[in-house]
């Protein structure tokens, strides 16, 4: 149950080793599950995002027409075909690259290299984080030919389909891109650079992680681990050996996650950017010359608050029934909710009740944020009256 939930929710948390515990048939089933899960979530999230436009009135529709000009419900069939085409193309290219690398540099047979390449390609593009190797990709921490393609596939899929569509239609014509795409790309770049620098500086001299490596390998693995907490779940370093401050950085990266309408988890970059703009605003919250509607601000604040509440409740429950360190339990619950799949190594030590909580978190984290945001956009009409205003003391 735990493994199937983790696969369909494209998370990657496991209680048994995927490569040794499951038979070849079992591994194929897991691969099919996270392929279906990734495709389903990307398709559903995109369509629900479009349907959410129905929840706004005429004035709001006119105001957001520019942002939705490239995507509309009348082209649903072509939309689904494009999602499928992009998915299959990227996965096949990545599978070939990895298979060639496994075969030529690591001495694997043709069949073995092809299988490992295909499994990791599908797992990477769907941000699933499952690996047929017992130590994930720690055995390849010095091989940029494996780590870089996996990281690039994770970044592309984590951007979400609307960004891919903008790139396909507008190319480098940045001014014609939608606000959503601009926010997602800007947020992605900011978080990748922040994570890379933070992990590099904090783990530079850690003898159990980056310490013994050459400078090039340090840069490579710090960059790889700035990508993975965003939602992917592969690891080339021992997370259990990370310093406490590095774990805190991972908390933030996992909780925020990737782009909307993609395979990424977390509260999503645009949610984070809207909340950040709301905190920093003077009058109207805005970015790139466009202000946000109050409905969008309400959605972002609600999604972030509910996510934080679920993580805290799950953390309190698991710490109350185990004697595991709080920092490890918090890492595990955020990883489950954000469908990241990274772990400090405590998943298999948890009792059944804690595993059920994590499985529930994975399911809610995968579909809950999308459902909540769509429900808020589609739900309820405004009252024909307003109450008198009175402001309580805050803070």
Protein backbone atom coordinates (compact mmCIF):
# COMPACT_ATOMS: atom_id res chain seq x y z
CA UNK A 1 0.00 0.00 0.00
CA UNK A 2 2.75 2.42 0.96
CA UNK A 3 4.80 1.70 -2.17
CA UNK A 4 1.84 1.95 -4.55
CA UNK A 5 0.74 5.24 -2.96
CA UNK A 6 4.28 6.57 -3.22
CA UNK A 7 4.44 5.54 -6.90
CA UNK A 8 1.06 6.94 -7.98
CA UNK A 9 1.73 10.14 -6.03
CA UNK A 10 5.18 10.28 -7.74
CA UNK A 11 6.89 10.68 -4.39
CA UNK A 12 9.61 8.05 -4.07
CA UNK A 13 9.57 7.26 -0.34
CA UNK A 14 10.08 3.52 0.18
CA UNK A 15 10.12 1.08 3.07
CA UNK A 16 11.94 -1.65 1.09
CA UNK A 17 14.69 -1.42 -1.50
CA UNK A 18 13.16 -1.12 -4.97
CA UNK A 19 16.03 -2.82 -6.80
CA UNK A 20 16.43 -5.87 -4.57
CA UNK A 21 13.11 -6.47 -2.80
CA UNK A 22 10.81 -6.37 -5.82
CA UNK A 23 10.98 -8.78 -8.75
CA UNK A 24 11.33 -7.52 -12.31
CA UNK A 25 7.55 -7.63 -12.63
CA UNK A 26 7.16 -5.61 -9.43
CA UNK A 27 9.57 -2.96 -10.70
CA UNK A 28 7.63 -2.71 -13.98
CA UNK A 29 4.39 -2.23 -12.03
CA UNK A 30 6.00 0.55 -9.96
CA UNK A 31 7.29 2.23 -13.13
CA UNK A 32 3.87 2.06 -14.79
CA UNK A 33 2.25 3.50 -11.65
CA UNK A 34 4.45 6.58 -11.47
CA UNK A 35 4.17 7.08 -15.23
CA UNK A 36 0.38 7.05 -14.98
CA UNK A 37 0.52 9.20 -11.84
CA UNK A 38 2.75 11.79 -13.51
CA UNK A 39 0.72 11.98 -16.70
CA UNK A 40 -2.56 12.08 -14.80
CA UNK A 41 -1.48 14.84 -12.47
CA UNK A 42 0.00 16.97 -15.25
CA UNK A 43 -3.15 16.59 -17.36
CA UNK A 44 -5.62 17.06 -14.50
CA UNK A 45 -3.79 20.03 -13.03
CA UNK A 46 -3.67 21.77 -16.41
CA UNK A 47 -7.35 21.19 -17.15
CA UNK A 48 -8.47 22.15 -13.64
CA UNK A 49 -6.38 25.30 -13.89
CA UNK A 50 -8.24 26.21 -17.07
CA UNK A 51 -11.62 25.31 -15.57
CA UNK A 52 -10.91 27.59 -12.64
CA UNK A 53 -11.42 30.48 -15.05
CA UNK A 54 -15.12 29.64 -15.04
CA UNK A 55 -15.30 30.71 -11.41
CA UNK A 56 -14.63 34.36 -12.24
CA UNK A 57 -17.06 36.95 -13.48
CA UNK A 58 -16.93 38.78 -16.81
CA UNK A 59 -14.70 41.56 -15.51
CA UNK A 60 -12.20 39.07 -14.07
CA UNK A 61 -12.24 37.02 -17.27
CA UNK A 62 -11.46 40.12 -19.34
CA UNK A 63 -8.65 41.06 -16.95
CA UNK A 64 -7.06 37.61 -17.20
CA UNK A 65 -7.74 37.02 -20.88
CA UNK A 66 -4.14 37.83 -21.81
CA UNK A 67 -2.84 35.27 -19.32
CA UNK A 68 -5.12 32.52 -20.69
CA UNK A 69 -4.88 33.38 -24.37
CA UNK A 70 -2.75 30.36 -25.27
CA UNK A 71 -4.75 27.79 -23.32
CA UNK A 72 -8.49 27.23 -23.57
CA UNK A 73 -10.89 24.39 -23.00
CA UNK A 74 -11.90 24.20 -26.65
CA UNK A 75 -8.55 22.63 -27.51
CA UNK A 76 -8.61 19.92 -24.87
CA UNK A 77 -7.77 17.08 -27.28
CA UNK A 78 -4.77 18.88 -28.77
CA UNK A 79 -3.71 19.89 -25.25
CA UNK A 80 -3.64 16.28 -24.08
CA UNK A 81 -1.78 15.18 -27.20
CA UNK A 82 0.85 17.85 -26.65
CA UNK A 83 1.36 16.80 -23.01
CA UNK A 84 1.73 13.17 -24.08
CA UNK A 85 4.11 14.06 -26.91
CA UNK A 86 6.37 16.16 -24.70
CA UNK A 87 6.42 13.47 -22.02
CA UNK A 88 7.31 10.59 -24.35
CA UNK A 89 9.90 12.62 -26.28
CA UNK A 90 11.81 13.80 -23.20
CA UNK A 91 11.67 10.38 -21.56
CA UNK A 92 12.99 8.57 -24.65
CA UNK A 93 15.84 11.05 -25.15
CA UNK A 94 16.84 10.77 -21.49
CA UNK A 95 16.56 6.96 -21.55
CA UNK A 96 18.94 6.75 -24.51
CA UNK A 97 21.46 9.11 -22.89
CA UNK A 98 21.45 7.21 -19.60
CA UNK A 99 21.55 3.78 -21.25
CA UNK A 100 24.59 4.76 -23.33
CA UNK A 101 26.30 6.13 -20.23
CA UNK A 102 25.53 3.03 -18.14
CA UNK A 103 26.75 0.77 -20.92
CA UNK A 104 29.93 2.57 -21.96
CA UNK A 105 31.17 3.99 -18.65
CA UNK A 106 29.88 1.46 -16.13
CA UNK A 107 30.25 -1.81 -18.03
CA UNK A 108 26.61 -2.86 -17.97
CA UNK A 109 25.18 -5.22 -20.57
CA UNK A 110 22.91 -3.81 -23.27
CA UNK A 111 19.74 -5.12 -21.63
CA UNK A 112 20.75 -4.00 -18.14
CA UNK A 113 21.78 -0.53 -19.30
CA UNK A 114 18.56 -0.12 -21.29
CA UNK A 115 16.39 -1.10 -18.32
CA UNK A 116 18.16 1.16 -15.82
CA UNK A 117 18.14 4.00 -18.35
CA UNK A 118 14.40 3.67 -19.07
CA UNK A 119 13.42 3.31 -15.41
CA UNK A 120 15.42 6.35 -14.30
CA UNK A 121 14.31 8.43 -17.29
CA UNK A 122 10.62 7.90 -16.52
CA UNK A 123 11.25 8.33 -12.79
CA UNK A 124 13.16 11.60 -13.34
CA UNK A 125 10.71 13.23 -15.75
CA UNK A 126 7.77 12.35 -13.52
CA UNK A 127 9.69 13.56 -10.46
CA UNK A 128 9.11 10.15 -8.86
CA UNK A 129 12.54 9.63 -7.32
CA UNK A 130 12.39 5.81 -7.50
CA UNK A 131 15.69 4.12 -8.34
CA UNK A 132 16.67 0.54 -9.16
CA UNK A 133 19.94 1.12 -7.28
CA UNK A 134 20.00 0.55 -3.52
CA UNK A 135 21.80 3.85 -2.85
CA UNK A 136 19.78 5.88 -5.37
CA UNK A 137 22.47 7.57 -7.51
CA UNK A 138 25.15 7.89 -4.83
CA UNK A 139 27.31 5.47 -6.81
CA UNK A 140 27.46 8.02 -9.64
CA UNK A 141 28.25 11.13 -7.61
CA UNK A 142 31.33 11.80 -9.73
CA UNK A 143 29.64 11.20 -13.10
CA UNK A 144 28.16 14.37 -14.55
CA UNK A 145 27.03 12.38 -17.59
CA UNK A 146 24.38 10.77 -15.39
CA UNK A 147 23.61 13.42 -12.77
CA UNK A 148 23.27 16.39 -15.16
CA UNK A 149 20.73 14.77 -17.57
CA UNK A 150 18.62 13.57 -14.64
CA UNK A 151 18.70 17.03 -13.04
CA UNK A 152 17.75 18.73 -16.33
CA UNK A 153 14.79 16.37 -16.85
CA UNK A 154 13.60 17.11 -13.31
CA UNK A 155 13.87 20.87 -13.85
CA UNK A 156 11.97 20.76 -17.16
CA UNK A 157 9.09 18.64 -15.85
CA UNK A 158 8.90 20.62 -12.61
CA UNK A 159 8.26 23.83 -14.56
CA UNK A 160 4.81 22.58 -15.53
CA UNK A 161 3.01 22.36 -18.85
CA UNK A 162 1.91 26.04 -19.14
CA UNK A 163 5.59 27.09 -19.10
CA UNK A 164 6.46 24.44 -21.70
CA UNK A 165 3.62 25.73 -23.87
CA UNK A 166 4.84 29.33 -23.58
CA UNK A 167 8.35 28.22 -24.53
CA UNK A 168 7.03 26.28 -27.53
CA UNK A 169 4.86 29.14 -28.81
CA UNK A 170 6.85 32.26 -27.91
CA UNK A 171 10.44 31.01 -27.63
CA UNK A 172 12.72 33.76 -26.40
CA UNK A 173 10.11 36.52 -26.79
CA UNK A 174 9.97 37.07 -23.04
CA UNK A 175 7.48 39.94 -23.14
CA UNK A 176 4.84 37.70 -24.71
CA UNK A 177 5.09 35.09 -21.96
CA UNK A 178 2.28 34.84 -19.43
CA UNK A 179 2.69 36.12 -15.89
CA UNK A 180 2.47 32.54 -14.62
CA UNK A 181 5.43 31.46 -16.75
CA UNK A 182 7.50 34.49 -15.80
CA UNK A 183 6.88 33.91 -12.09
CA UNK A 184 7.64 30.19 -12.38
CA UNK A 185 10.91 30.69 -14.24
CA UNK A 186 12.07 33.53 -12.00
CA UNK A 187 11.19 31.58 -8.86
CA UNK A 188 12.85 28.41 -10.17
CA UNK A 189 16.09 30.23 -10.97
CA UNK A 190 16.07 31.99 -7.59
CA UNK A 191 15.50 28.78 -5.62
CA UNK A 192 18.05 26.75 -7.63
CA UNK A 193 20.77 29.36 -7.07
CA UNK A 194 19.87 29.74 -3.40
CA UNK A 195 19.87 25.97 -2.81
CA UNK A 196 23.11 25.44 -4.74
CA UNK A 197 25.03 28.15 -2.85
CA UNK A 198 23.59 27.23 0.55
CA UNK A 199 24.33 23.50 0.23
CA UNK A 200 27.77 24.18 -1.21
CA UNK A 201 28.78 26.51 1.62
CA UNK A 202 27.24 24.49 4.46
CA UNK A 203 28.53 21.09 3.32
CA UNK A 204 31.86 22.17 1.82
CA UNK A 205 33.96 20.82 4.68
CA UNK A 206 31.58 18.09 5.91
CA UNK A 207 33.71 14.88 5.83
CA UNK A 208 30.59 12.75 5.29
CA UNK A 209 29.25 14.63 2.24
CA UNK A 210 31.16 17.12 0.09
CA UNK A 211 34.32 17.31 2.21
CA UNK A 212 36.47 14.61 0.52
CA UNK A 213 35.47 15.57 -3.05
CA UNK A 214 37.40 17.64 -5.57
CA UNK A 215 36.09 21.14 -6.32
CA UNK A 216 34.36 20.10 -9.55
CA UNK A 217 32.57 17.22 -7.84
CA UNK A 218 31.50 19.51 -5.01
CA UNK A 219 29.96 21.96 -7.46
CA UNK A 220 28.24 19.13 -9.34
CA UNK A 221 26.71 17.44 -6.31
CA UNK A 222 25.68 20.68 -4.59
CA UNK A 223 23.93 21.70 -7.81
CA UNK A 224 22.28 18.27 -8.10
CA UNK A 225 20.99 18.52 -4.55
CA UNK A 226 19.62 22.01 -5.11
CA UNK A 227 17.37 20.46 -7.79
CA UNK A 228 16.26 17.28 -6.01
CA UNK A 229 14.52 18.79 -2.93
CA UNK A 230 12.27 20.71 -5.32
CA UNK A 231 10.34 17.43 -5.81
CA UNK A 232 12.47 14.70 -7.41
CA UNK A 233 13.83 12.50 -4.63
CA UNK A 234 17.11 11.22 -6.08
CA UNK A 235 20.18 11.68 -3.91
CA UNK A 236 23.88 11.50 -4.69
CA UNK A 237 24.87 12.37 -1.10
CA UNK A 238 23.98 10.79 2.23
CA UNK A 239 21.14 12.96 3.53
CA UNK A 240 21.47 11.49 7.01
CA UNK A 241 24.93 13.07 7.22
CA UNK A 242 23.74 16.58 6.30
CA UNK A 243 24.29 19.30 8.87
CA UNK A 244 21.23 20.66 10.64
CA UNK A 245 21.36 23.98 8.82
CA UNK A 246 21.44 22.15 5.48
CA UNK A 247 18.34 20.20 6.47
CA UNK A 248 16.56 23.49 7.20
CA UNK A 249 17.39 24.68 3.67
CA UNK A 250 15.93 21.42 2.36
CA UNK A 251 12.78 21.99 4.44
CA UNK A 252 12.17 25.26 2.61
CA UNK A 253 12.99 23.94 -0.87
CA UNK A 254 10.77 20.86 -0.42
CA UNK A 255 7.85 22.82 1.02
CA UNK A 256 7.84 25.32 -1.86
CA UNK A 257 8.28 22.66 -4.56
CA UNK A 258 8.04 23.29 -8.30
CA UNK A 259 5.72 24.75 -10.90
CA UNK A 260 1.96 24.32 -11.14
CA UNK A 261 0.32 21.93 -13.65
CA UNK A 262 3.38 19.70 -13.67
CA UNK A 263 4.72 16.68 -11.84
CA UNK A 264 6.26 18.76 -9.04
CA UNK A 265 4.91 18.78 -5.50
CA UNK A 266 4.92 21.31 -2.66
CA UNK A 267 2.73 24.39 -2.42
CA UNK A 268 4.16 25.44 -5.83
CA UNK A 269 6.42 28.32 -6.82
CA UNK A 270 3.61 30.66 -7.89
CA UNK A 271 1.90 30.18 -4.53
CA UNK A 272 5.13 31.11 -2.77
CA UNK A 273 5.69 34.11 -5.05
CA UNK A 274 2.14 35.41 -4.51
CA UNK A 275 2.50 35.07 -0.72
CA UNK A 276 5.89 36.80 -0.89
CA UNK A 277 4.46 39.65 -2.95
CA UNK A 278 1.54 39.91 -0.52
CA UNK A 279 3.98 40.27 2.40
CA UNK A 280 6.16 42.87 0.64
CA UNK A 281 3.42 44.87 -1.04
CA UNK A 282 2.65 48.51 -0.33
CA UNK A 283 -0.74 48.72 -1.99
CA UNK A 284 -1.42 46.10 -4.67
CA UNK A 285 0.53 42.83 -4.73
CA UNK A 286 2.13 42.61 -8.17
CA UNK A 287 4.97 41.21 -10.27
CA UNK A 288 6.29 41.92 -13.77
CA UNK A 289 3.92 44.84 -14.24
CA UNK A 290 0.78 42.85 -13.36
CA UNK A 291 -1.18 42.93 -10.10
CA UNK A 292 -2.85 39.90 -8.55
CA UNK A 293 -6.58 39.63 -7.98
CA UNK A 294 -7.85 39.18 -4.43
CA UNK A 295 -9.11 35.68 -5.33
CA UNK A 296 -5.58 34.58 -6.27
CA UNK A 297 -4.15 36.03 -3.07
CA UNK A 298 -6.78 34.17 -1.05
CA UNK A 299 -6.01 30.90 -2.85
CA UNK A 300 -2.27 31.24 -2.23
CA UNK A 301 -2.63 32.07 1.47
CA UNK A 302 -5.14 29.25 2.00
CA UNK A 303 -3.04 26.60 0.23
CA UNK A 304 0.11 27.61 2.14
CA UNK A 305 -1.69 27.67 5.49
CA UNK A 306 -3.38 24.28 4.99
CA UNK A 307 -0.10 22.73 3.88
CA UNK A 308 1.72 24.03 6.92
CA UNK A 309 -1.08 22.79 9.21
CA UNK A 310 -1.01 19.26 7.76
CA UNK A 311 2.78 19.01 8.04
CA UNK A 312 2.71 20.18 11.66
CA UNK A 313 -0.09 17.79 12.65
CA UNK A 314 1.65 14.82 11.02
CA UNK A 315 4.96 15.75 12.66
CA UNK A 316 3.39 16.00 16.12
CA UNK A 317 1.68 12.61 15.71
CA UNK A 318 4.80 10.76 14.55
CA UNK A 319 7.03 12.31 17.23
CA UNK A 320 4.47 11.32 19.86
CA UNK A 321 4.60 7.61 18.93
CA UNK A 322 8.33 7.33 18.19
CA UNK A 323 11.60 8.43 19.74
CA UNK A 324 13.09 9.63 16.49
CA UNK A 325 14.73 13.10 16.32
CA UNK A 326 12.35 15.94 15.52
CA UNK A 327 14.50 17.22 12.66
CA UNK A 328 14.34 13.83 10.90
CA UNK A 329 10.60 13.44 11.43
CA UNK A 330 9.96 16.96 10.11
CA UNK A 331 12.14 16.21 7.08
CA UNK A 332 10.13 13.04 6.43
CA UNK A 333 6.70 14.69 6.72
CA UNK A 334 7.62 17.62 4.49
CA UNK A 335 9.11 15.20 1.96
CA UNK A 336 5.91 13.14 1.98
CA UNK A 337 3.55 16.10 1.69
CA UNK A 338 5.64 17.78 -1.01
CA UNK A 339 5.92 14.40 -2.83
CA UNK A 340 9.70 14.77 -2.87
CA UNK A 341 10.78 11.31 -1.74
CA UNK A 342 14.02 12.31 -0.03
CA UNK A 343 14.66 10.72 3.35
CA UNK A 344 17.31 10.77 6.05
CA UNK A 345 16.92 6.98 6.23
CA UNK A 346 14.17 6.62 8.82
CA UNK A 347 11.21 5.55 6.64
CA UNK A 348 11.72 1.81 7.16
CA UNK A 349 12.02 2.34 10.94
CA UNK A 350 8.56 3.84 11.32
CA UNK A 351 5.65 1.85 12.81
CA UNK A 352 2.62 1.02 10.61
CA UNK A 353 0.51 3.89 11.99
CA UNK A 354 3.21 6.40 11.05
CA UNK A 355 3.47 4.90 7.56
CA UNK A 356 -0.29 5.33 7.13
CA UNK A 357 0.09 9.00 8.09
CA UNK A 358 2.89 9.44 5.56
CA UNK A 359 0.87 7.66 2.85
CA UNK A 360 -2.07 9.98 3.59
CA UNK A 361 0.24 12.98 3.39
CA UNK A 362 1.57 11.81 0.02
CA UNK A 363 -1.95 11.45 -1.35
CA UNK A 364 -3.12 14.80 0.01
CA UNK A 365 0.07 16.51 -1.11
CA UNK A 366 -0.36 15.16 -4.62
CA UNK A 367 -4.02 16.06 -5.16
CA UNK A 368 -4.93 18.25 -2.20
CA UNK A 369 -3.30 21.54 -3.23
CA UNK A 370 -4.74 21.29 -6.75
CA UNK A 371 -8.20 20.45 -5.40
CA UNK A 372 -8.13 23.21 -2.80
CA UNK A 373 -7.00 25.88 -5.25
CA UNK A 374 -9.60 24.83 -7.84
CA UNK A 375 -12.38 24.66 -5.24
CA UNK A 376 -11.55 28.17 -4.05
CA UNK A 377 -11.58 29.47 -7.62
CA UNK A 378 -14.84 27.76 -8.53
CA UNK A 379 -16.64 27.93 -5.23
CA UNK A 380 -19.37 30.23 -4.04
CA UNK A 381 -20.71 33.47 -5.39
CA UNK A 382 -20.26 36.80 -3.66
CA UNK A 383 -22.97 38.01 -1.27
CA UNK A 384 -25.12 40.87 -2.60
CA UNK A 385 -24.17 42.86 0.53
CA UNK A 386 -21.11 43.70 2.65
CA UNK A 387 -20.81 43.92 6.43
CA UNK A 388 -19.59 47.13 8.11
CA UNK A 389 -15.80 47.23 8.36
CA UNK A 390 -14.00 47.00 11.68
CA UNK A 391 -10.33 46.08 12.09
CA UNK A 392 -9.06 44.01 15.04
CA UNK A 393 -5.57 44.47 16.51
CA UNK A 394 -3.16 42.15 14.68
CA UNK A 395 0.26 41.24 16.04
